[in-house]
Amino acid sequence: MTIKADIKEQFSKLIDLQSVDSEIFDLKFQKEDFPRKLEEIDQVLAGKKTGMDAAESALKQLQVEKGEKENELASGEERIKKHEGELALIKTNKEYSVMLEQIESVKADVSLIEEKIIEALDKIELVQSKCAEEKKAFEEEVKKSDAERSLIRSEEKKVSDRLSELSRKRGALIGAIEGKLLSMYERVLENRGKHALSKINGEMCEECNMRLRPQVINEVRSHKKLVICENCSRILYAED
């Protein structure tokens, strides 16, 4: 491809443009990564909250179960009092013995319930400690995540401001580059990503590290036409 303007001067401008585009490429990649970082922060915080909620739920369940056992205990004690009151009204030894057996049976049940209440209290104490730990961990994570979000938003603003600055700089640069050359550059940039230009380094294409034919090197150094790397399809240039 031949161009009308001085090719050395045009390549000087293209090199400046590539420097801008290379930074734009990196910044856009960085900017696209910010949502992922924020999502990771939210996931970690959600995990801490899940742990806290699970501990609190377990505590509530234990407290409900303890309350049920306490109701059973109160009911059993009431039955014992009732039966003990009935003893004075019994007239036969046989009925008296039966009532005593019933009272002992209820007392045994009450004793078992009391043991279960003590076990529940021990469990509640452990889970209360776990709740306190999980709550502290969650609160610490909230502070940490707030600080991290603030930092990310600050970085995101810096990146956005720099991209705006580079966009203006790019606009000024492309106005000085011949249309055909600019079109070729932008097509290659779209296909190859960060770099559309590749410098000749000895006998090698610097971007793909493939050896170039002597004829290709001579054509590039002659500055008479646009030369493309036969391997990576980037626009070749040579420094004086």
Foldseek 3Di string as FASTA:
>chain_A
DFDDDQLVVQVVLVVVLLVLLLLLLVLVVVLVCLVVVLVVLVVVLVVLVVQLVVLVVVLVVLVVVLVVLVVLLVVLVVVLVVLVVCLVVDDDPVVNVVSVVVSVVSVVVNVVSVVVSVVSVVVSVVSVVSNVVSVVVSVVSVVVSVVVNVVSVVVSVVSVVVSVVSVVVSVVSVVPHDPVVVVLQVVQCVVPPSAQEFECDPQATRPPRDGHDPVQVVVQVVSGRWGADPPSRGTYHYDD
